[in-house]
C-alpha atoms as a PDB file:
ATOM      1  CA  MET A   1      14.719  12.918  -4.076  1.00  0.00           C
ATOM      2  CA  GLN A   2      16.132  11.870  -7.419  1.00  0.00           C
ATOM      3  CA  LEU A   3      14.614   9.434 -10.082  1.00  0.00           C
ATOM      4  CA  THR A   4      16.687   8.799 -13.180  1.00  0.00           C
ATOM      5  CA  TYR A   5      15.859   6.335 -15.922  1.00  0.00           C
ATOM      6  CA  TYR A   6      18.522   4.275 -17.818  1.00  0.00           C
ATOM      7  CA  ARG A   7      17.798   2.034 -20.717  1.00  0.00           C
ATOM      8  CA  ASN A   8      19.423  -1.362 -21.046  1.00  0.00           C
ATOM      9  CA  LYS A   9      22.353  -0.007 -23.222  1.00  0.00           C
ATOM     10  CA  GLU A  10      23.074   2.493 -20.530  1.00  0.00           C
ATOM     11  CA  ARG A  11      23.555   0.128 -17.677  1.00  0.00           C
ATOM     12  CA  ILE A  12      27.325   0.766 -17.363  1.00  0.00           C
ATOM     13  CA  SER A  13      26.455   4.493 -17.044  1.00  0.00           C
ATOM     14  CA  LEU A  14      24.309   3.582 -13.986  1.00  0.00           C
ATOM     15  CA  THR A  15      27.245   2.083 -12.178  1.00  0.00           C
ATOM     16  CA  SER A  16      29.300   4.965 -13.164  1.00  0.00           C
ATOM     17  CA  LYS A  17      26.563   7.315 -11.815  1.00  0.00           C
ATOM     18  CA  LEU A  18      26.469   5.476  -8.571  1.00  0.00           C
ATOM     19  CA  ASN A  19      30.242   5.607  -8.261  1.00  0.00           C
ATOM     20  CA  THR A  20      30.047   9.400  -7.562  1.00  0.00           C
ATOM     21  CA  ASP A  21      29.088  11.605  -4.687  1.00  0.00           C
ATOM     22  CA  GLU A  22      25.619  11.880  -6.235  1.00  0.00           C
ATOM     23  CA  GLU A  23      22.992  10.240  -4.035  1.00  0.00           C
ATOM     24  CA  TYR A  24      20.050   8.114  -5.267  1.00  0.00           C
ATOM     25  CA  ASP A  25      17.120   7.150  -3.263  1.00  0.00           C
ATOM     26  CA  LEU A  26      15.945   4.071  -5.102  1.00  0.00           C
ATOM     27  CA  VAL A  27      16.995   1.966  -8.149  1.00  0.00           C
ATOM     28  CA  LEU A  28      14.558  -0.028 -10.233  1.00  0.00           C
ATOM     29  CA  LEU A  29      16.777  -2.528 -11.881  1.00  0.00           C
ATOM     30  CA  ASP A  30      16.000  -4.760 -14.915  1.00  0.00           C
ATOM     31  CA  ASP A  31      17.217  -8.271 -14.488  1.00  0.00           C
ATOM     32  CA  MET A  32      17.419  -9.619 -18.030  1.00  0.00           C
ATOM     33  CA  MET A  33      20.046  -7.465 -19.672  1.00  0.00           C
ATOM     34  CA  PRO A  34      22.945  -8.473 -22.032  1.00  0.00           C
ATOM     35  CA  LYS A  35      26.660  -8.539 -20.839  1.00  0.00           C
ATOM     36  CA  MET A  36      25.720  -7.664 -17.260  1.00  0.00           C
ATOM     37  CA  ASP A  37      22.424  -8.869 -15.807  1.00  0.00           C
ATOM     38  CA  GLY A  38      20.561  -7.451 -12.884  1.00  0.00           C
ATOM     39  CA  ARG A  39      22.084  -9.792 -10.361  1.00  0.00           C
ATOM     40  CA  GLU A  40      25.680  -9.028 -11.395  1.00  0.00           C
ATOM     41  CA  THR A  41      24.810  -5.206 -11.370  1.00  0.00           C
ATOM     42  CA  LEU A  42      23.417  -5.681  -7.834  1.00  0.00           C
ATOM     43  CA  GLU A  43      26.501  -7.408  -6.651  1.00  0.00           C
ATOM     44  CA  HIS A  44      28.637  -4.499  -8.193  1.00  0.00           C
ATOM     45  CA  ILE A  45      26.519  -1.865  -6.540  1.00  0.00           C
ATOM     46  CA  ARG A  46      26.611  -3.706  -3.108  1.00  0.00           C
ATOM     47  CA  ASN A  47      30.296  -5.120  -3.129  1.00  0.00           C
ATOM     48  CA  ASP A  48      32.280  -2.901  -5.299  1.00  0.00           C
ATOM     49  CA  LEU A  49      30.660   0.345  -4.750  1.00  0.00           C
ATOM     50  CA  GLY A  50      29.419  -0.212  -1.213  1.00  0.00           C
ATOM     51  CA  LYS A  51      26.118   1.373  -1.958  1.00  0.00           C
ATOM     52  CA  LYS A  52      23.179   0.908   0.423  1.00  0.00           C
ATOM     53  CA  VAL A  53      20.511   2.444  -1.877  1.00  0.00           C
ATOM     54  CA  PRO A  54      17.383   0.268  -2.163  1.00  0.00           C
ATOM     55  CA  VAL A  55      17.470  -1.934  -5.468  1.00  0.00           C
ATOM     56  CA  VAL A  56      14.094  -3.263  -6.752  1.00  0.00           C
ATOM     57  CA  ALA A  57      14.151  -6.031  -9.251  1.00  0.00           C
ATOM     58  CA  LEU A  58      12.214  -5.222 -12.331  1.00  0.00           C
ATOM     59  CA  THR A  59      11.572  -8.354 -14.388  1.00  0.00           C
ATOM     60  CA  ALA A  60       9.223 -10.206 -16.665  1.00  0.00           C
ATOM     61  CA  ASN A  61      10.037 -13.357 -14.778  1.00  0.00           C
ATOM     62  CA  ALA A  62       6.636 -13.465 -12.836  1.00  0.00           C
ATOM     63  CA  LEU A  63       6.478 -17.236 -12.000  1.00  0.00           C
ATOM     64  CA  SER A  64       5.493 -18.521  -8.625  1.00  0.00           C
ATOM     65  CA  GLY A  65       8.461 -18.110  -6.048  1.00  0.00           C
ATOM     66  CA  MET A  66      10.196 -15.427  -8.055  1.00  0.00           C
ATOM     67  CA  ARG A  67       9.674 -12.662  -5.568  1.00  0.00           C
ATOM     68  CA  GLU A  68      11.429 -14.918  -2.880  1.00  0.00           C
ATOM     69  CA  LYS A  69      14.160 -15.860  -5.302  1.00  0.00           C
ATOM     70  CA  TYR A  70      15.105 -12.131  -5.979  1.00  0.00           C
ATOM     71  CA  LEU A  71      14.916 -11.222  -2.258  1.00  0.00           C
ATOM     72  CA  ALA A  72      17.339 -14.016  -1.499  1.00  0.00           C
ATOM     73  CA  MET A  73      19.633 -12.575  -4.215  1.00  0.00           C
ATOM     74  CA  GLY A  74      19.860  -9.349  -2.193  1.00  0.00           C
ATOM     75  CA  PHE A  75      17.225  -7.196  -4.036  1.00  0.00           C
ATOM     76  CA  ASP A  76      15.029  -5.172  -1.610  1.00  0.00           C
ATOM     77  CA  ASP A  77      11.893  -5.728  -3.463  1.00  0.00           C
ATOM     78  CA  TYR A  78      10.369  -7.097  -6.740  1.00  0.00           C
ATOM     79  CA  LEU A  79       8.196  -5.736  -9.537  1.00  0.00           C
ATOM     80  CA  SER A  80       6.998  -7.877 -12.344  1.00  0.00           C
ATOM     81  CA  LYS A  81       6.289  -6.680 -15.920  1.00  0.00           C
ATOM     82  CA  PRO A  82       3.995  -5.319 -17.051  1.00  0.00           C
ATOM     83  CA  ILE A  83       3.966  -3.211 -13.953  1.00  0.00           C
ATOM     84  CA  GLU A  84       0.774  -2.746 -12.120  1.00  0.00           C
ATOM     85  CA  LYS A  85       0.167   0.872 -10.939  1.00  0.00           C
ATOM     86  CA  ARG A  86      -0.718  -0.477  -7.620  1.00  0.00           C
ATOM     87  CA  GLU A  87       2.464  -2.324  -7.066  1.00  0.00           C
ATOM     88  CA  LEU A  88       4.688   0.609  -8.423  1.00  0.00           C
ATOM     89  CA  TYR A  89       2.669   2.892  -5.909  1.00  0.00           C
ATOM     90  CA  ARG A  90       3.459   0.426  -3.052  1.00  0.00           C
ATOM     91  CA  VAL A  91       7.137   0.408  -3.831  1.00  0.00           C
ATOM     92  CA  LEU A  92       7.475   4.157  -4.131  1.00  0.00           C
ATOM     93  CA  LEU A  93       5.546   4.603  -0.912  1.00  0.00           C
ATOM     94  CA  THR A  94       7.721   1.974   0.944  1.00  0.00           C
ATOM     95  CA  TYR A  95      11.116   3.225  -0.142  1.00  0.00           C
ATOM     96  CA  LEU A  96      10.648   6.948  -0.904  1.00  0.00           C
ATOM     97  CA  ASN A  97       8.357   7.874   2.049  1.00  0.00           C
ATOM     98  CA  LYS A  98      11.356   7.328   4.287  1.00  0.00           C
ATOM     99  CA  GLN A  99      13.390   9.828   2.392  1.00  0.00           C
ATOM    100  CA  ILE A 100      10.496  12.330   2.349  1.00  0.00           C
ATOM    101  CA  LYS A 101      10.464  12.150   6.224  1.00  0.00           C
ATOM    102  CA  LYS A 102      14.047  12.518   6.509  1.00  0.00           C
ATOM    103  CA  LYS A 103      13.809  15.765   4.444  1.00  0.00           C
ATOM    104  CA  ASN A 104      10.756  17.016   6.515  1.00  0.00           C
ATOM    105  CA  GLN A 105       8.571  16.891   3.490  1.00  0.00           C
ATOM    106  CA  PRO A 106       4.921  15.889   3.783  1.00  0.00           C
ATOM    107  CA  ASN A 107       4.815  12.054   4.196  1.00  0.00           C
ATOM    108  CA  ASN A 108       1.779  11.604   1.999  1.00  0.00           C
ATOM    109  CA  LEU A 109       3.358  12.576  -1.289  1.00  0.00           C
ATOM    110  CA  PHE A 110       2.191   9.478  -3.042  1.00  0.00           C
ATOM    111  CA  MET A 111      -1.246   9.200  -1.386  1.00  0.00           C
ATOM    112  CA  PRO A 112      -4.490  10.372  -2.906  1.00  0.00           C
ATOM    113  CA  LYS A 113      -5.345  13.888  -1.831  1.00  0.00           C
ATOM    114  CA  LEU A 114      -7.445  14.116   1.269  1.00  0.00           C
ATOM    115  CA  LYS A 115     -11.037  15.404   0.871  1.00  0.00           C
ATOM    116  CA  GLU A 116     -11.809  18.661   2.888  1.00  0.00           C
ATOM    117  CA  LYS A 117     -13.759  17.984   6.056  1.00  0.00           C
ATOM    118  CA  LYS A 118     -16.018  20.527   7.895  1.00  0.00           C
ATOM    119  CA  PRO A 119     -16.022  20.288  11.802  1.00  0.00           C
ATOM    120  CA  GLU A 120     -19.573  18.722  12.039  1.00  0.00           C
ATOM    121  CA  GLN A 121     -18.643  16.045   9.492  1.00  0.00           C
ATOM    122  CA  LYS A 122     -17.248  12.487  10.091  1.00  0.00           C
ATOM    123  CA  ARG A 123     -14.403  11.024   8.104  1.00  0.00           C
ATOM    124  CA  VAL A 124     -14.725   7.378   6.813  1.00  0.00           C
ATOM    125  CA  LEU A 125     -11.981   5.241   5.238  1.00  0.00           C
ATOM    126  CA  ILE A 126     -12.683   2.409   2.844  1.00  0.00           C
ATOM    127  CA  VAL A 127      -9.857  -0.135   2.395  1.00  0.00           C
ATOM    128  CA  ASP A 128     -10.370  -2.652  -0.457  1.00  0.00           C
ATOM    129  CA  ASP A 129      -8.086  -3.738  -3.281  1.00  0.00           C
ATOM    130  CA  ASN A 130     -11.083  -3.836  -5.743  1.00  0.00           C
ATOM    131  CA  LYS A 131     -11.998  -0.502  -7.239  1.00  0.00           C
ATOM    132  CA  ILE A 132     -15.536  -1.655  -8.061  1.00  0.00           C
ATOM    133  CA  ASN A 133     -16.101  -2.694  -4.456  1.00  0.00           C
ATOM    134  CA  ILE A 134     -14.972   0.744  -3.361  1.00  0.00           C
ATOM    135  CA  LYS A 135     -17.191   2.523  -5.735  1.00  0.00           C
ATOM    136  CA  ILE A 136     -20.296   0.534  -4.422  1.00  0.00           C
ATOM    137  CA  ALA A 137     -19.371   1.330  -0.817  1.00  0.00           C
ATOM    138  CA  GLU A 138     -18.843   4.937  -1.751  1.00  0.00           C
ATOM    139  CA  LYS A 139     -22.198   5.258  -3.422  1.00  0.00           C
ATOM    140  CA  LEU A 140     -23.976   3.757  -0.324  1.00  0.00           C
ATOM    141  CA  LEU A 141     -22.194   6.009   2.061  1.00  0.00           C
ATOM    142  CA  GLU A 142     -22.925   9.088  -0.122  1.00  0.00           C
ATOM    143  CA  HIS A 143     -26.530   8.823   1.228  1.00  0.00           C
ATOM    144  CA  PHE A 144     -25.148  10.256   4.425  1.00  0.00           C
ATOM    145  CA  ASP A 145     -24.332  13.943   3.911  1.00  0.00           C
ATOM    146  CA  PHE A 146     -22.351  14.239   7.035  1.00  0.00           C
ATOM    147  CA  LEU A 147     -19.758  11.805   5.863  1.00  0.00           C
ATOM    148  CA  VAL A 148     -16.494  12.541   4.111  1.00  0.00           C
ATOM    149  CA  ILE A 149     -15.274   9.404   2.317  1.00  0.00           C
ATOM    150  CA  ASP A 150     -11.785   8.459   1.377  1.00  0.00           C
ATOM    151  CA  SER A 151     -10.497   5.145   0.124  1.00  0.00           C
ATOM    152  CA  VAL A 152      -7.192   3.242  -0.444  1.00  0.00           C
ATOM    153  CA  LEU A 153      -6.363   0.120  -2.355  1.00  0.00           C
ATOM    154  CA  SER A 154      -4.222  -1.829   0.273  1.00  0.00           C
ATOM    155  CA  GLY A 155      -3.592  -2.478   3.884  1.00  0.00           C
ATOM    156  CA  LYS A 156      -0.100  -0.820   3.720  1.00  0.00           C
ATOM    157  CA  ASP A 157      -1.873   2.283   2.198  1.00  0.00           C
ATOM    158  CA  ALA A 158      -4.281   2.360   5.034  1.00  0.00           C
ATOM    159  CA  LEU A 159      -1.629   2.344   7.610  1.00  0.00           C
ATOM    160  CA  GLU A 160       0.072   5.307   5.972  1.00  0.00           C
ATOM    161  CA  ARG A 161      -3.253   7.168   5.606  1.00  0.00           C
ATOM    162  CA  VAL A 162      -4.214   6.915   9.128  1.00  0.00           C
ATOM    163  CA  LYS A 163      -0.856   8.478  10.237  1.00  0.00           C
ATOM    164  CA  VAL A 164      -1.916  11.619   8.300  1.00  0.00           C
ATOM    165  CA  SER A 165      -5.694  11.796   8.829  1.00  0.00           C
ATOM    166  CA  ASP A 166      -8.097  11.315  11.785  1.00  0.00           C
ATOM    167  CA  TYR A 167     -10.736   8.636  10.754  1.00  0.00           C
ATOM    168  CA  ASP A 168     -13.932   8.098  12.758  1.00  0.00           C
ATOM    169  CA  LEU A 169     -14.665   4.721  11.083  1.00  0.00           C
ATOM    170  CA  ILE A 170     -12.826   2.306   8.764  1.00  0.00           C
ATOM    171  CA  PHE A 171     -14.389  -0.268   6.433  1.00  0.00           C
ATOM    172  CA  MET A 172     -11.834  -3.072   5.853  1.00  0.00           C
ATOM    173  CA  ASP A 173     -11.767  -5.682   3.193  1.00  0.00           C
ATOM    174  CA  ILE A 174     -10.357  -8.918   4.382  1.00  0.00           C
ATOM    175  CA  MET A 175      -8.938 -10.743   1.307  1.00  0.00           C
ATOM    176  CA  MET A 176      -6.179  -8.464   0.125  1.00  0.00           C
ATOM    177  CA  PRO A 177      -2.721  -9.260  -1.339  1.00  0.00           C
ATOM    178  CA  GLU A 178       0.549  -8.376   0.622  1.00  0.00           C
ATOM    179  CA  MET A 179      -1.413  -7.610   3.848  1.00  0.00           C
ATOM    180  CA  ASP A 180      -4.853  -8.854   4.587  1.00  0.00           C
ATOM    181  CA  GLY A 181      -7.499  -7.097   6.660  1.00  0.00           C
ATOM    182  CA  ILE A 182      -6.811  -9.017   9.897  1.00  0.00           C
ATOM    183  CA  GLU A 183      -3.138  -8.127   9.817  1.00  0.00           C
ATOM    184  CA  CYS A 184      -3.936  -4.495   8.852  1.00  0.00           C
ATOM    185  CA  LEU A 185      -6.330  -4.262  11.799  1.00  0.00           C
ATOM    186  CA  HIS A 186      -3.682  -5.580  14.174  1.00  0.00           C
ATOM    187  CA  ARG A 187      -1.024  -3.111  12.774  1.00  0.00           C
ATOM    188  CA  LEU A 188      -3.597  -0.195  13.100  1.00  0.00           C
ATOM    189  CA  ARG A 189      -4.124  -1.068  16.742  1.00  0.00           C
ATOM    190  CA  GLU A 190      -0.327  -1.235  17.325  1.00  0.00           C
ATOM    191  CA  GLN A 191      -0.183   2.231  15.790  1.00  0.00           C
ATOM    192  CA  GLY A 192      -2.661   3.456  18.294  1.00  0.00           C
ATOM    193  CA  TYR A 193      -5.795   3.590  16.209  1.00  0.00           C
ATOM    194  CA  VAL A 194      -8.582   2.943  18.569  1.00  0.00           C
ATOM    195  CA  ARG A 195     -11.805   4.015  16.576  1.00  0.00           C
ATOM    196  CA  PRO A 196     -14.126   1.366  15.069  1.00  0.00           C
ATOM    197  CA  VAL A 197     -12.971  -0.896  12.120  1.00  0.00           C
ATOM    198  CA  VAL A 198     -15.662  -2.983  10.424  1.00  0.00           C
ATOM    199  CA  THR A 199     -15.085  -5.749   8.088  1.00  0.00           C
ATOM    200  CA  LEU A 200     -16.274  -5.396   4.411  1.00  0.00           C
ATOM    201  CA  THR A 201     -15.906  -8.940   3.166  1.00  0.00           C
ATOM    202  CA  ALA A 202     -17.157 -11.658   0.848  1.00  0.00           C
ATOM    203  CA  ASP A 203     -16.573 -14.300   3.711  1.00  0.00           C
ATOM    204  CA  ALA A 204     -20.187 -14.777   4.614  1.00  0.00           C
ATOM    205  CA  VAL A 205     -20.149 -18.444   5.774  1.00  0.00           C
ATOM    206  CA  GLU A 206     -21.661 -19.521   9.007  1.00  0.00           C
ATOM    207  CA  ARG A 207     -19.935 -18.029  12.185  1.00  0.00           C
ATOM    208  CA  SER A 208     -17.775 -15.595   9.974  1.00  0.00           C
ATOM    209  CA  LYS A 209     -19.114 -12.674  12.193  1.00  0.00           C
ATOM    210  CA  GLU A 210     -17.930 -14.377  15.374  1.00  0.00           C
ATOM    211  CA  LYS A 211     -14.447 -15.161  13.841  1.00  0.00           C
ATOM    212  CA  TYR A 212     -13.842 -11.499  12.871  1.00  0.00           C
ATOM    213  CA  LEU A 213     -15.254 -10.073  16.051  1.00  0.00           C
ATOM    214  CA  ASN A 214     -12.881 -12.353  17.906  1.00  0.00           C
ATOM    215  CA  GLU A 215      -9.934 -10.989  15.820  1.00  0.00           C
ATOM    216  CA  GLY A 216     -10.843  -7.465  17.121  1.00  0.00           C
ATOM    217  CA  PHE A 217     -13.100  -5.982  14.461  1.00  0.00           C
ATOM    218  CA  ASP A 218     -15.975  -3.857  15.902  1.00  0.00           C
ATOM    219  CA  ASP A 219     -18.707  -5.204  13.581  1.00  0.00           C
ATOM    220  CA  TYR A 220     -19.069  -7.162  10.358  1.00  0.00           C
ATOM    221  CA  VAL A 221     -20.485  -6.358   6.982  1.00  0.00           C
ATOM    222  CA  ALA A 222     -20.796  -9.107   4.345  1.00  0.00           C
ATOM    223  CA  LYS A 223     -20.673  -8.455   0.536  1.00  0.00           C
ATOM    224  CA  PRO A 224     -22.734  -7.644  -1.506  1.00  0.00           C
ATOM    225  CA  VAL A 225     -23.286  -4.665   0.792  1.00  0.00           C
ATOM    226  CA  ASN A 226     -26.742  -3.162   1.000  1.00  0.00           C
ATOM    227  CA  LEU A 227     -27.974   0.303   2.038  1.00  0.00           C
ATOM    228  CA  LYS A 228     -29.887  -1.012   5.237  1.00  0.00           C
ATOM    229  CA  ARG A 229     -26.851  -2.707   6.638  1.00  0.00           C
ATOM    230  CA  VAL A 230     -24.554   0.305   6.024  1.00  0.00           C
ATOM    231  CA  GLU A 231     -27.135   2.542   7.738  1.00  0.00           C
ATOM    232  CA  GLU A 232     -27.083   0.343  10.772  1.00  0.00           C
ATOM    233  CA  ILE A 233     -23.337   0.692  10.911  1.00  0.00           C
ATOM    234  CA  VAL A 234     -23.332   4.429  10.456  1.00  0.00           C
ATOM    235  CA  ASN A 235     -26.141   4.908  13.165  1.00  0.00           C
ATOM    236  CA  LYS A 236     -24.167   2.564  15.594  1.00  0.00           C
ATOM    237  CA  PHE A 237     -20.778   4.250  15.340  1.00  0.00           C
ATOM    238  CA  LEU A 238     -21.207   7.730  13.924  1.00  0.00           C
ATOM    239  CA  LYS A 239     -24.418   9.175  15.256  1.00  0.00           C
END
């Protein structure tokens, strides 16, 4: 896998580099450049060089609808500046994991390291895009010494994590960007994950529990989370 950084003034060197036998796994391409902008460079990569390497738009143009605009131009994905770590992580996971699998390398290169688990312990995954919410949930679950707790910040990360680790229970936030909790649950079931998935959501209006149970969740926990409710879930599914 090769990652190389070229500044704006070196954009011609980029097309020269791509016009060789050297293979690149991913190109992060700035759009607003003098003489040859990102769209022209992309057309040159696709039409003149015939390269199929994934090209991600890297731009300060973060207005509503810009992602769709760049995808329509032919870019494979879109990152707005200043780049959020989570979004960069998502792009790397999406496009470089494919190359990792091809090369028979571990497919969790960009995932946080898994915590060690003893045979008598149970493994729990928290899926939430808010780090504070994750910390709160982790603190509550730490009351149970037989649990090993992992966490990820998006539904897509959860799908990848379940492929490499065997979880006994998943706590799933509902309102997440890119892929919400309901879609993630359905994708998990399609992947063959059959163990309990419990909502962890701020949606606490009347009949919310029935709504999420009908979607296929095994139980429902409303935020703010309290120890008594977490204990009920742990006793129900893990003891």
